[in-house]
Amino acid sequence: MLPFISNVFNDPSDPWYYVVGVIFLLLIFGAVALYMVWVGKKNKQNADKTDGAVEADNVDKAEVKADEQATENTDATAHLQEQDKK
């Protein structure tokens, strides 16, 4: 039995030599495809987290700008009211 199994891996004239070779190639390409899918999902999750953080930063900046504008408008209104009183 051992010579037959050894012949499968060493003799190119044996049809099983090619069957075993194709099986190994399928395993290798399958592992590479699985890795690519896994990394793609991981990158997509990281991108979604990053997009959420960027959107939160944009919202915070918009709130700060709105607060600054409100303060400026309030100051300008108070200044005009003081001028009207004089």
PDB file of N, CA and C in Angstrom:
ATOM      1  N   MET A   1       0.820  -1.197   0.000  1.00  0.00           N
ATOM      2  CA  MET A   1       0.000   0.000   0.000  1.00  0.00           C
ATOM      3  C   MET A   1       0.868   1.267   0.000  1.00  0.00           C
ATOM      4  N   LEU A   2       1.950   1.241   0.740  1.00  0.00           N
ATOM      5  CA  LEU A   2       2.834   2.400   0.825  1.00  0.00           C
ATOM      6  C   LEU A   2       3.445   2.756  -0.530  1.00  0.00           C
ATOM      7  N   PRO A   3       3.863   1.773  -1.326  1.00  0.00           N
ATOM      8  CA  PRO A   3       4.399   2.139  -2.653  1.00  0.00           C
ATOM      9  C   PRO A   3       3.326   2.790  -3.547  1.00  0.00           C
ATOM     10  N   PHE A   4       2.067   2.333  -3.417  1.00  0.00           N
ATOM     11  CA  PHE A   4       0.991   2.927  -4.231  1.00  0.00           C
ATOM     12  C   PHE A   4       0.775   4.392  -3.840  1.00  0.00           C
ATOM     13  N   ILE A   5       0.720   4.665  -2.530  1.00  0.00           N
ATOM     14  CA  ILE A   5       0.521   6.038  -2.058  1.00  0.00           C
ATOM     15  C   ILE A   5       1.722   6.904  -2.447  1.00  0.00           C
ATOM     16  N   SER A   6       2.895   6.349  -2.312  1.00  0.00           N
ATOM     17  CA  SER A   6       4.097   7.089  -2.678  1.00  0.00           C
ATOM     18  C   SER A   6       4.122   7.361  -4.178  1.00  0.00           C
ATOM     19  N   ASN A   7       3.614   6.448  -4.970  1.00  0.00           N
ATOM     20  CA  ASN A   7       3.568   6.589  -6.413  1.00  0.00           C
ATOM     21  C   ASN A   7       2.631   7.730  -6.817  1.00  0.00           C
ATOM     22  N   VAL A   8       1.564   7.933  -6.035  1.00  0.00           N
ATOM     23  CA  VAL A   8       0.604   9.000  -6.335  1.00  0.00           C
ATOM     24  C   VAL A   8       1.285  10.363  -6.279  1.00  0.00           C
ATOM     25  N   PHE A   9       2.234  10.546  -5.366  1.00  0.00           N
ATOM     26  CA  PHE A   9       2.894  11.833  -5.197  1.00  0.00           C
ATOM     27  C   PHE A   9       4.142  12.004  -6.072  1.00  0.00           C
ATOM     28  N   ASN A  10       4.660  10.918  -6.642  1.00  0.00           N
ATOM     29  CA  ASN A  10       5.942  11.001  -7.343  1.00  0.00           C
ATOM     30  C   ASN A  10       5.904  10.675  -8.832  1.00  0.00           C
ATOM     31  N   ASP A  11       4.876  10.025  -9.330  1.00  0.00           N
ATOM     32  CA  ASP A  11       4.869   9.530 -10.714  1.00  0.00           C
ATOM     33  C   ASP A  11       3.871  10.324 -11.567  1.00  0.00           C
ATOM     34  N   PRO A  12       4.338  11.164 -12.454  1.00  0.00           N
ATOM     35  CA  PRO A  12       3.431  11.943 -13.299  1.00  0.00           C
ATOM     36  C   PRO A  12       2.620  11.107 -14.289  1.00  0.00           C
ATOM     37  N   SER A  13       2.981   9.859 -14.508  1.00  0.00           N
ATOM     38  CA  SER A  13       2.194   9.027 -15.428  1.00  0.00           C
ATOM     39  C   SER A  13       0.964   8.439 -14.735  1.00  0.00           C
ATOM     40  N   ASP A  14       0.881   8.546 -13.436  1.00  0.00           N
ATOM     41  CA  ASP A  14      -0.272   8.039 -12.679  1.00  0.00           C
ATOM     42  C   ASP A  14      -1.373   9.114 -12.664  1.00  0.00           C
ATOM     43  N   PRO A  15      -2.616   8.760 -13.026  1.00  0.00           N
ATOM     44  CA  PRO A  15      -3.704   9.757 -13.046  1.00  0.00           C
ATOM     45  C   PRO A  15      -3.982  10.362 -11.661  1.00  0.00           C
ATOM     46  N   TRP A  16      -3.763   9.592 -10.615  1.00  0.00           N
ATOM     47  CA  TRP A  16      -4.006  10.110  -9.258  1.00  0.00           C
ATOM     48  C   TRP A  16      -3.039  11.249  -8.906  1.00  0.00           C
ATOM     49  N   TYR A  17      -1.914  11.283  -9.556  1.00  0.00           N
ATOM     50  CA  TYR A  17      -0.934  12.353  -9.353  1.00  0.00           C
ATOM     51  C   TYR A  17      -1.594  13.707  -9.644  1.00  0.00           C
ATOM     52  N   TYR A  18      -2.366  13.758 -10.733  1.00  0.00           N
ATOM     53  CA  TYR A  18      -3.029  14.998 -11.119  1.00  0.00           C
ATOM     54  C   TYR A  18      -4.246  15.285 -10.249  1.00  0.00           C
ATOM     55  N   VAL A  19      -4.932  14.252  -9.835  1.00  0.00           N
ATOM     56  CA  VAL A  19      -6.085  14.439  -8.938  1.00  0.00           C
ATOM     57  C   VAL A  19      -5.621  15.053  -7.619  1.00  0.00           C
ATOM     58  N   VAL A  20      -4.556  14.517  -7.059  1.00  0.00           N
ATOM     59  CA  VAL A  20      -4.022  15.046  -5.802  1.00  0.00           C
ATOM     60  C   VAL A  20      -3.522  16.476  -6.005  1.00  0.00           C
ATOM     61  N   GLY A  21      -2.888  16.739  -7.137  1.00  0.00           N
ATOM     62  CA  GLY A  21      -2.414  18.095  -7.425  1.00  0.00           C
ATOM     63  C   GLY A  21      -3.549  19.098  -7.520  1.00  0.00           C
ATOM     64  N   VAL A  22      -4.637  18.711  -8.182  1.00  0.00           N
ATOM     65  CA  VAL A  22      -5.797  19.596  -8.299  1.00  0.00           C
ATOM     66  C   VAL A  22      -6.420  19.837  -6.924  1.00  0.00           C
ATOM     67  N   ILE A  23      -6.494  18.813  -6.098  1.00  0.00           N
ATOM     68  CA  ILE A  23      -7.050  18.966  -4.745  1.00  0.00           C
ATOM     69  C   ILE A  23      -6.207  19.957  -3.936  1.00  0.00           C
ATOM     70  N   PHE A  24      -4.898  19.831  -4.018  1.00  0.00           N
ATOM     71  CA  PHE A  24      -4.030  20.773  -3.297  1.00  0.00           C
ATOM     72  C   PHE A  24      -4.210  22.208  -3.823  1.00  0.00           C
ATOM     73  N   LEU A  25      -4.304  22.354  -5.137  1.00  0.00           N
ATOM     74  CA  LEU A  25      -4.511  23.688  -5.693  1.00  0.00           C
ATOM     75  C   LEU A  25      -5.843  24.284  -5.238  1.00  0.00           C
ATOM     76  N   LEU A  26      -6.894  23.466  -5.232  1.00  0.00           N
ATOM     77  CA  LEU A  26      -8.195  23.945  -4.757  1.00  0.00           C
ATOM     78  C   LEU A  26      -8.134  24.370  -3.291  1.00  0.00           C
ATOM     79  N   LEU A  27      -7.409  23.599  -2.490  1.00  0.00           N
ATOM     80  CA  LEU A  27      -7.258  23.968  -1.075  1.00  0.00           C
ATOM     81  C   LEU A  27      -6.511  25.303  -0.921  1.00  0.00           C
ATOM     82  N   ILE A  28      -5.467  25.478  -1.694  1.00  0.00           N
ATOM     83  CA  ILE A  28      -4.680  26.714  -1.607  1.00  0.00           C
ATOM     84  C   ILE A  28      -5.511  27.913  -2.064  1.00  0.00           C
ATOM     85  N   PHE A  29      -6.147  27.807  -3.231  1.00  0.00           N
ATOM     86  CA  PHE A  29      -6.950  28.924  -3.723  1.00  0.00           C
ATOM     87  C   PHE A  29      -8.164  29.182  -2.834  1.00  0.00           C
ATOM     88  N   GLY A  30      -8.737  28.136  -2.287  1.00  0.00           N
ATOM     89  CA  GLY A  30      -9.852  28.312  -1.350  1.00  0.00           C
ATOM     90  C   GLY A  30      -9.426  29.049  -0.099  1.00  0.00           C
ATOM     91  N   ALA A  31      -8.242  28.725   0.418  1.00  0.00           N
ATOM     92  CA  ALA A  31      -7.730  29.414   1.602  1.00  0.00           C
ATOM     93  C   ALA A  31      -7.459  30.881   1.297  1.00  0.00           C
ATOM     94  N   VAL A  32      -6.923  31.167   0.122  1.00  0.00           N
ATOM     95  CA  VAL A  32      -6.663  32.563  -0.257  1.00  0.00           C
ATOM     96  C   VAL A  32      -7.988  33.321  -0.412  1.00  0.00           C
ATOM     97  N   ALA A  33      -8.964  32.715  -1.033  1.00  0.00           N
ATOM     98  CA  ALA A  33     -10.270  33.364  -1.198  1.00  0.00           C
ATOM     99  C   ALA A  33     -10.928  33.605   0.159  1.00  0.00           C
ATOM    100  N   LEU A  34     -10.860  32.635   1.044  1.00  0.00           N
ATOM    101  CA  LEU A  34     -11.419  32.791   2.384  1.00  0.00           C
ATOM    102  C   LEU A  34     -10.739  33.933   3.131  1.00  0.00           C
ATOM    103  N   TYR A  35      -9.426  34.025   3.015  1.00  0.00           N
ATOM    104  CA  TYR A  35      -8.673  35.101   3.655  1.00  0.00           C
ATOM    105  C   TYR A  35      -9.085  36.464   3.094  1.00  0.00           C
ATOM    106  N   MET A  36      -9.254  36.550   1.769  1.00  0.00           N
ATOM    107  CA  MET A  36      -9.644  37.813   1.157  1.00  0.00           C
ATOM    108  C   MET A  36     -11.030  38.244   1.619  1.00  0.00           C
ATOM    109  N   VAL A  37     -11.959  37.320   1.720  1.00  0.00           N
ATOM    110  CA  VAL A  37     -13.306  37.638   2.198  1.00  0.00           C
ATOM    111  C   VAL A  37     -13.247  38.095   3.648  1.00  0.00           C
ATOM    112  N   TRP A  38     -12.471  37.400   4.460  1.00  0.00           N
ATOM    113  CA  TRP A  38     -12.357  37.735   5.887  1.00  0.00           C
ATOM    114  C   TRP A  38     -11.754  39.129   6.072  1.00  0.00           C
ATOM    115  N   VAL A  39     -10.707  39.441   5.327  1.00  0.00           N
ATOM    116  CA  VAL A  39     -10.068  40.752   5.435  1.00  0.00           C
ATOM    117  C   VAL A  39     -11.010  41.832   4.903  1.00  0.00           C
ATOM    118  N   GLY A  40     -11.746  41.536   3.844  1.00  0.00           N
ATOM    119  CA  GLY A  40     -12.700  42.503   3.296  1.00  0.00           C
ATOM    120  C   GLY A  40     -13.780  42.856   4.299  1.00  0.00           C
ATOM    121  N   LYS A  41     -14.323  41.875   4.996  1.00  0.00           N
ATOM    122  CA  LYS A  41     -15.336  42.140   6.016  1.00  0.00           C
ATOM    123  C   LYS A  41     -14.744  42.944   7.166  1.00  0.00           C
ATOM    124  N   LYS A  42     -13.511  42.602   7.543  1.00  0.00           N
ATOM    125  CA  LYS A  42     -12.860  43.306   8.644  1.00  0.00           C
ATOM    126  C   LYS A  42     -12.630  44.768   8.273  1.00  0.00           C
ATOM    127  N   ASN A  43     -12.175  45.021   7.052  1.00  0.00           N
ATOM    128  CA  ASN A  43     -11.946  46.397   6.602  1.00  0.00           C
ATOM    129  C   ASN A  43     -13.253  47.171   6.496  1.00  0.00           C
ATOM    130  N   LYS A  44     -14.308  46.503   6.061  1.00  0.00           N
ATOM    131  CA  LYS A  44     -15.605  47.167   5.945  1.00  0.00           C
ATOM    132  C   LYS A  44     -16.119  47.566   7.324  1.00  0.00           C
ATOM    133  N   GLN A  45     -15.954  46.698   8.317  1.00  0.00           N
ATOM    134  CA  GLN A  45     -16.383  47.022   9.676  1.00  0.00           C
ATOM    135  C   GLN A  45     -15.589  48.194  10.217  1.00  0.00           C
ATOM    136  N   ASN A  46     -14.288  48.219   9.972  1.00  0.00           N
ATOM    137  CA  ASN A  46     -13.452  49.330  10.435  1.00  0.00           C
ATOM    138  C   ASN A  46     -13.838  50.625   9.731  1.00  0.00           C
ATOM    139  N   ALA A  47     -14.155  50.541   8.449  1.00  0.00           N
ATOM    140  CA  ALA A  47     -14.559  51.734   7.705  1.00  0.00           C
ATOM    141  C   ALA A  47     -15.884  52.263   8.231  1.00  0.00           C
ATOM    142  N   ASP A  48     -16.817  51.368   8.560  1.00  0.00           N
ATOM    143  CA  ASP A  48     -18.102  51.795   9.112  1.00  0.00           C
ATOM    144  C   ASP A  48     -17.905  52.488  10.451  1.00  0.00           C
ATOM    145  N   LYS A  49     -17.019  51.967  11.281  1.00  0.00           N
ATOM    146  CA  LYS A  49     -16.745  52.595  12.573  1.00  0.00           C
ATOM    147  C   LYS A  49     -16.111  53.962  12.362  1.00  0.00           C
ATOM    148  N   THR A  50     -15.197  54.058  11.420  1.00  0.00           N
ATOM    149  CA  THR A  50     -14.529  55.322  11.136  1.00  0.00           C
ATOM    150  C   THR A  50     -15.519  56.339  10.581  1.00  0.00           C
ATOM    151  N   ASP A  51     -16.413  55.923   9.681  1.00  0.00           N
ATOM    152  CA  ASP A  51     -17.415  56.823   9.125  1.00  0.00           C
ATOM    153  C   ASP A  51     -18.322  57.350  10.221  1.00  0.00           C
ATOM    154  N   GLY A  52     -18.692  56.495  11.146  1.00  0.00           N
ATOM    155  CA  GLY A  52     -19.538  56.924  12.261  1.00  0.00           C
ATOM    156  C   GLY A  52     -18.832  57.951  13.123  1.00  0.00           C
ATOM    157  N   ALA A  53     -17.546  57.774  13.342  1.00  0.00           N
ATOM    158  CA  ALA A  53     -16.783  58.720  14.151  1.00  0.00           C
ATOM    159  C   ALA A  53     -16.637  60.051  13.416  1.00  0.00           C
ATOM    160  N   VAL A  54     -16.435  60.002  12.101  1.00  0.00           N
ATOM    161  CA  VAL A  54     -16.308  61.226  11.316  1.00  0.00           C
ATOM    162  C   VAL A  54     -17.629  61.982  11.325  1.00  0.00           C
ATOM    163  N   GLU A  55     -18.739  61.264  11.176  1.00  0.00           N
ATOM    164  CA  GLU A  55     -20.042  61.914  11.199  1.00  0.00           C
ATOM    165  C   GLU A  55     -20.301  62.542  12.568  1.00  0.00           C
ATOM    166  N   ALA A  56     -19.919  61.858  13.634  1.00  0.00           N
ATOM    167  CA  ALA A  56     -20.094  62.411  14.971  1.00  0.00           C
ATOM    168  C   ALA A  56     -19.244  63.662  15.139  1.00  0.00           C
ATOM    169  N   ASP A  57     -18.027  63.669  14.603  1.00  0.00           N
ATOM    170  CA  ASP A  57     -17.176  64.854  14.662  1.00  0.00           C
ATOM    171  C   ASP A  57     -17.804  66.003  13.892  1.00  0.00           C
ATOM    172  N   ASN A  58     -18.365  65.713  12.720  1.00  0.00           N
ATOM    173  CA  ASN A  58     -18.995  66.758  11.926  1.00  0.00           C
ATOM    174  C   ASN A  58     -20.188  67.353  12.650  1.00  0.00           C
ATOM    175  N   VAL A  59     -20.973  66.511  13.309  1.00  0.00           N
ATOM    176  CA  VAL A  59     -22.124  66.988  14.068  1.00  0.00           C
ATOM    177  C   VAL A  59     -21.649  67.869  15.215  1.00  0.00           C
ATOM    178  N   ASP A  60     -20.613  67.434  15.917  1.00  0.00           N
ATOM    179  CA  ASP A  60     -20.077  68.222  17.027  1.00  0.00           C
ATOM    180  C   ASP A  60     -19.572  69.572  16.535  1.00  0.00           C
ATOM    181  N   LYS A  61     -18.875  69.597  15.406  1.00  0.00           N
ATOM    182  CA  LYS A  61     -18.358  70.849  14.857  1.00  0.00           C
ATOM    183  C   LYS A  61     -19.503  71.761  14.448  1.00  0.00           C
ATOM    184  N   ALA A  62     -20.565  71.186  13.881  1.00  0.00           N
ATOM    185  CA  ALA A  62     -21.716  71.990  13.484  1.00  0.00           C
ATOM    186  C   ALA A  62     -22.379  72.598  14.713  1.00  0.00           C
ATOM    187  N   GLU A  63     -22.471  71.833  15.790  1.00  0.00           N
ATOM    188  CA  GLU A  63     -23.064  72.352  17.018  1.00  0.00           C
ATOM    189  C   GLU A  63     -22.209  73.477  17.582  1.00  0.00           C
ATOM    190  N   VAL A  64     -20.892  73.337  17.548  1.00  0.00           N
ATOM    191  CA  VAL A  64     -19.998  74.376  18.058  1.00  0.00           C
ATOM    192  C   VAL A  64     -20.152  75.636  17.219  1.00  0.00           C
ATOM    193  N   LYS A  65     -20.202  75.493  15.902  1.00  0.00           N
ATOM    194  CA  LYS A  65     -20.365  76.664  15.038  1.00  0.00           C
ATOM    195  C   LYS A  65     -21.698  77.345  15.299  1.00  0.00           C
ATOM    196  N   ALA A  66     -22.754  76.546  15.476  1.00  0.00           N
ATOM    197  CA  ALA A  66     -24.062  77.124  15.767  1.00  0.00           C
ATOM    198  C   ALA A  66     -24.031  77.861  17.099  1.00  0.00           C
ATOM    199  N   ASP A  67     -23.361  77.311  18.092  1.00  0.00           N
ATOM    200  CA  ASP A  67     -23.255  77.967  19.390  1.00  0.00           C
ATOM    201  C   ASP A  67     -22.457  79.257  19.268  1.00  0.00           C
ATOM    202  N   GLU A  68     -21.371  79.239  18.490  1.00  0.00           N
ATOM    203  CA  GLU A  68     -20.567  80.440  18.297  1.00  0.00           C
ATOM    204  C   GLU A  68     -21.374  81.521  17.596  1.00  0.00           C
ATOM    205  N   GLN A  69     -22.138  81.118  16.588  1.00  0.00           N
ATOM    206  CA  GLN A  69     -22.956  82.088  15.865  1.00  0.00           C
ATOM    207  C   GLN A  69     -24.045  82.653  16.767  1.00  0.00           C
ATOM    208  N   ALA A  70     -24.644  81.807  17.586  1.00  0.00           N
ATOM    209  CA  ALA A  70     -25.676  82.274  18.497  1.00  0.00           C
ATOM    210  C   ALA A  70     -25.083  83.268  19.491  1.00  0.00           C
ATOM    211  N   THR A  71     -23.898  82.982  19.993  1.00  0.00           N
ATOM    212  CA  THR A  71     -23.241  83.882  20.935  1.00  0.00           C
ATOM    213  C   THR A  71     -22.902  85.203  20.249  1.00  0.00           C
ATOM    214  N   GLU A  72     -22.394  85.135  19.042  1.00  0.00           N
ATOM    215  CA  GLU A  72     -22.061  86.352  18.305  1.00  0.00           C
ATOM    216  C   GLU A  72     -23.311  87.174  18.034  1.00  0.00           C
ATOM    217  N   ASN A  73     -24.410  86.517  17.633  1.00  0.00           N
ATOM    218  CA  ASN A  73     -25.659  87.227  17.368  1.00  0.00           C
ATOM    219  C   ASN A  73     -26.203  87.856  18.645  1.00  0.00           C
ATOM    220  N   THR A  74     -26.114  87.130  19.733  1.00  0.00           N
ATOM    221  CA  THR A  74     -26.593  87.648  21.005  1.00  0.00           C
ATOM    222  C   THR A  74     -25.766  88.844  21.435  1.00  0.00           C
ATOM    223  N   ASP A  75     -24.447  88.760  21.285  1.00  0.00           N
ATOM    224  CA  ASP A  75     -23.567  89.872  21.634  1.00  0.00           C
ATOM    225  C   ASP A  75     -23.856  91.094  20.770  1.00  0.00           C
ATOM    226  N   ALA A  76     -24.054  90.844  19.472  1.00  0.00           N
ATOM    227  CA  ALA A  76     -24.337  91.957  18.558  1.00  0.00           C
ATOM    228  C   ALA A  76     -25.677  92.597  18.912  1.00  0.00           C
ATOM    229  N   THR A  77     -26.670  91.804  19.239  1.00  0.00           N
ATOM    230  CA  THR A  77     -27.984  92.322  19.611  1.00  0.00           C
ATOM    231  C   THR A  77     -27.886  93.114  20.908  1.00  0.00           C
ATOM    232  N   ALA A  78     -27.164  92.592  21.873  1.00  0.00           N
ATOM    233  CA  ALA A  78     -26.997  93.296  23.148  1.00  0.00           C
ATOM    234  C   ALA A  78     -26.258  94.611  22.926  1.00  0.00           C
ATOM    235  N   HIS A  79     -25.280  94.614  22.059  1.00  0.00           N
ATOM    236  CA  HIS A  79     -24.522  95.825  21.770  1.00  0.00           C
ATOM    237  C   HIS A  79     -25.427  96.869  21.109  1.00  0.00           C
ATOM    238  N   LEU A  80     -26.276  96.438  20.151  1.00  0.00           N
ATOM    239  CA  LEU A  80     -27.189  97.364  19.487  1.00  0.00           C
ATOM    240  C   LEU A  80     -28.207  97.932  20.472  1.00  0.00           C
ATOM    241  N   GLN A  81     -28.691  97.095  21.392  1.00  0.00           N
ATOM    242  CA  GLN A  81     -29.656  97.552  22.379  1.00  0.00           C
ATOM    243  C   GLN A  81     -29.016  98.590  23.295  1.00  0.00           C
ATOM    244  N   GLU A  82     -27.767  98.401  23.649  1.00  0.00           N
ATOM    245  CA  GLU A  82     -27.072  99.359  24.503  1.00  0.00           C
ATOM    246  C   GLU A  82     -26.892 100.692  23.760  1.00  0.00           C
ATOM    247  N   GLN A  83     -26.633 100.614  22.453  1.00  0.00           N
ATOM    248  CA  GLN A  83     -26.462 101.836  21.681  1.00  0.00           C
ATOM    249  C   GLN A  83     -27.785 102.590  21.565  1.00  0.00           C
ATOM    250  N   ASP A  84     -28.893 101.824  21.433  1.00  0.00           N
ATOM    251  CA  ASP A  84     -30.215 102.456  21.311  1.00  0.00           C
ATOM    252  C   ASP A  84     -30.577 103.170  22.612  1.00  0.00           C
ATOM    253  N   LYS A  85     -30.172 102.613  23.743  1.00  0.00           N
ATOM    254  CA  LYS A  85     -30.496 103.214  25.031  1.00  0.00           C
ATOM    255  C   LYS A  85     -29.747 104.520  25.243  1.00  0.00           C
ATOM    256  N   LYS A  86     -28.592 104.652  24.656  1.00  0.00           N
ATOM    257  CA  LYS A  86     -27.780 105.868  24.838  1.00  0.00           C
ATOM    258  C   LYS A  86     -28.317 106.945  24.026  1.00  0.00           C
TER     259      LYS A  86
END
